[in-house]
C-alpha atoms as a PDB file:
ATOM      1  CA  UNK A   1     -22.963 -36.674  28.826  1.00  0.00           C
ATOM      2  CA  UNK A   2     -23.508 -37.257  32.500  1.00  0.00           C
ATOM      3  CA  UNK A   3     -22.699 -40.683  33.897  1.00  0.00           C
ATOM      4  CA  UNK A   4     -24.173 -41.618  37.265  1.00  0.00           C
ATOM      5  CA  UNK A   5     -23.693 -45.033  38.870  1.00  0.00           C
ATOM      6  CA  UNK A   6     -26.600 -46.080  41.092  1.00  0.00           C
ATOM      7  CA  UNK A   7     -27.515 -48.949  43.368  1.00  0.00           C
ATOM      8  CA  UNK A   8     -31.278 -49.417  43.492  1.00  0.00           C
ATOM      9  CA  UNK A   9     -33.740 -51.868  45.013  1.00  0.00           C
ATOM     10  CA  UNK A  10     -34.508 -55.049  43.068  1.00  0.00           C
ATOM     11  CA  UNK A  11     -37.954 -53.810  41.976  1.00  0.00           C
ATOM     12  CA  UNK A  12     -36.683 -50.418  40.746  1.00  0.00           C
ATOM     13  CA  UNK A  13     -38.109 -48.934  37.559  1.00  0.00           C
ATOM     14  CA  UNK A  14     -36.720 -46.607  34.939  1.00  0.00           C
ATOM     15  CA  UNK A  15     -38.546 -43.749  36.708  1.00  0.00           C
ATOM     16  CA  UNK A  16     -36.891 -44.676  40.038  1.00  0.00           C
ATOM     17  CA  UNK A  17     -33.443 -44.560  38.446  1.00  0.00           C
ATOM     18  CA  UNK A  18     -34.071 -41.177  36.847  1.00  0.00           C
ATOM     19  CA  UNK A  19     -35.289 -39.689  40.112  1.00  0.00           C
ATOM     20  CA  UNK A  20     -32.408 -41.185  42.120  1.00  0.00           C
ATOM     21  CA  UNK A  21     -29.808 -39.919  39.632  1.00  0.00           C
ATOM     22  CA  UNK A  22     -30.564 -36.257  40.312  1.00  0.00           C
ATOM     23  CA  UNK A  23     -30.389 -35.534  36.575  1.00  0.00           C
ATOM     24  CA  UNK A  24     -34.006 -34.372  36.391  1.00  0.00           C
ATOM     25  CA  UNK A  25     -33.297 -31.530  38.801  1.00  0.00           C
ATOM     26  CA  UNK A  26     -29.789 -30.760  37.549  1.00  0.00           C
ATOM     27  CA  UNK A  27     -30.926 -30.329  33.955  1.00  0.00           C
ATOM     28  CA  UNK A  28     -34.451 -29.096  34.773  1.00  0.00           C
ATOM     29  CA  UNK A  29     -36.118 -31.950  32.888  1.00  0.00           C
ATOM     30  CA  UNK A  30     -39.868 -32.447  33.027  1.00  0.00           C
ATOM     31  CA  UNK A  31     -40.684 -36.049  33.887  1.00  0.00           C
ATOM     32  CA  UNK A  32     -44.078 -35.752  32.171  1.00  0.00           C
ATOM     33  CA  UNK A  33     -42.510 -35.087  28.753  1.00  0.00           C
ATOM     34  CA  UNK A  34     -39.281 -37.003  29.249  1.00  0.00           C
ATOM     35  CA  UNK A  35     -38.198 -39.706  26.808  1.00  0.00           C
ATOM     36  CA  UNK A  36     -35.893 -42.349  28.259  1.00  0.00           C
ATOM     37  CA  UNK A  37     -34.725 -45.837  27.513  1.00  0.00           C
ATOM     38  CA  UNK A  38     -32.514 -48.760  28.376  1.00  0.00           C
ATOM     39  CA  UNK A  39     -29.535 -49.720  26.212  1.00  0.00           C
ATOM     40  CA  UNK A  40     -30.598 -47.507  23.303  1.00  0.00           C
ATOM     41  CA  UNK A  41     -34.258 -48.510  23.173  1.00  0.00           C
ATOM     42  CA  UNK A  42     -36.959 -46.129  24.303  1.00  0.00           C
ATOM     43  CA  UNK A  43     -39.027 -47.594  27.148  1.00  0.00           C
ATOM     44  CA  UNK A  44     -41.947 -46.407  29.306  1.00  0.00           C
ATOM     45  CA  UNK A  45     -40.913 -45.050  32.698  1.00  0.00           C
ATOM     46  CA  UNK A  46     -42.644 -47.921  34.527  1.00  0.00           C
ATOM     47  CA  UNK A  47     -40.277 -50.474  32.928  1.00  0.00           C
ATOM     48  CA  UNK A  48     -38.504 -52.582  35.582  1.00  0.00           C
ATOM     49  CA  UNK A  49     -34.712 -52.499  35.550  1.00  0.00           C
ATOM     50  CA  UNK A  50     -32.285 -55.403  35.630  1.00  0.00           C
ATOM     51  CA  UNK A  51     -28.802 -55.455  37.120  1.00  0.00           C
ATOM     52  CA  UNK A  52     -26.338 -53.664  34.856  1.00  0.00           C
ATOM     53  CA  UNK A  53     -28.920 -51.808  32.743  1.00  0.00           C
ATOM     54  CA  UNK A  54     -27.751 -48.559  31.149  1.00  0.00           C
ATOM     55  CA  UNK A  55     -30.489 -45.952  31.485  1.00  0.00           C
ATOM     56  CA  UNK A  56     -30.499 -43.144  28.921  1.00  0.00           C
ATOM     57  CA  UNK A  57     -32.369 -39.851  28.607  1.00  0.00           C
ATOM     58  CA  UNK A  58     -33.249 -38.774  25.071  1.00  0.00           C
ATOM     59  CA  UNK A  59     -33.515 -35.120  24.082  1.00  0.00           C
ATOM     60  CA  UNK A  60     -35.362 -33.834  21.062  1.00  0.00           C
ATOM     61  CA  UNK A  61     -33.123 -32.602  18.276  1.00  0.00           C
ATOM     62  CA  UNK A  62     -32.793 -28.842  17.964  1.00  0.00           C
ATOM     63  CA  UNK A  63     -32.099 -29.149  14.225  1.00  0.00           C
ATOM     64  CA  UNK A  64     -32.527 -32.060  11.845  1.00  0.00           C
ATOM     65  CA  UNK A  65     -29.031 -33.519  11.189  1.00  0.00           C
ATOM     66  CA  UNK A  66     -29.434 -33.237   7.403  1.00  0.00           C
ATOM     67  CA  UNK A  67     -30.491 -29.603   7.682  1.00  0.00           C
ATOM     68  CA  UNK A  68     -27.565 -28.853  10.027  1.00  0.00           C
ATOM     69  CA  UNK A  69     -25.154 -30.265   7.415  1.00  0.00           C
ATOM     70  CA  UNK A  70     -26.736 -28.139   4.690  1.00  0.00           C
ATOM     71  CA  UNK A  71     -26.412 -25.015   6.828  1.00  0.00           C
ATOM     72  CA  UNK A  72     -22.733 -25.726   7.527  1.00  0.00           C
ATOM     73  CA  UNK A  73     -22.068 -26.228   3.816  1.00  0.00           C
ATOM     74  CA  UNK A  74     -23.776 -22.926   2.967  1.00  0.00           C
ATOM     75  CA  UNK A  75     -21.695 -21.102   5.576  1.00  0.00           C
ATOM     76  CA  UNK A  76     -18.457 -22.635   4.305  1.00  0.00           C
ATOM     77  CA  UNK A  77     -19.250 -21.852   0.656  1.00  0.00           C
ATOM     78  CA  UNK A  78     -20.404 -18.268   1.209  1.00  0.00           C
ATOM     79  CA  UNK A  79     -16.952 -16.759   2.027  1.00  0.00           C
ATOM     80  CA  UNK A  80     -15.304 -18.657  -0.828  1.00  0.00           C
ATOM     81  CA  UNK A  81     -17.877 -17.503  -3.363  1.00  0.00           C
ATOM     82  CA  UNK A  82     -17.803 -13.844  -2.350  1.00  0.00           C
ATOM     83  CA  UNK A  83     -13.985 -13.647  -2.293  1.00  0.00           C
ATOM     84  CA  UNK A  84     -13.337 -15.156  -5.731  1.00  0.00           C
ATOM     85  CA  UNK A  85     -15.378 -12.867  -7.963  1.00  0.00           C
ATOM     86  CA  UNK A  86     -13.694 -11.533 -11.048  1.00  0.00           C
ATOM     87  CA  UNK A  87     -15.099  -9.088 -13.610  1.00  0.00           C
END
């Protein structure tokens, strides 16, 4: 997670903070499809900021967390099952 402290004008918006942070360029994020929020709540980019707000960028999940757990369990079970066969 990247943390960037910024000082912005009083009328700054969520979009202004994202642009000023340099994170859009650093991580090659597309502003048109970007999801962002303040203090854990997704907000439109035109939302005005208040002093002390924590701006967050939300990424889409690559894998559903439940499915990721299932895949890890399958991988952990597979070696145990194949190594304990008796005939």
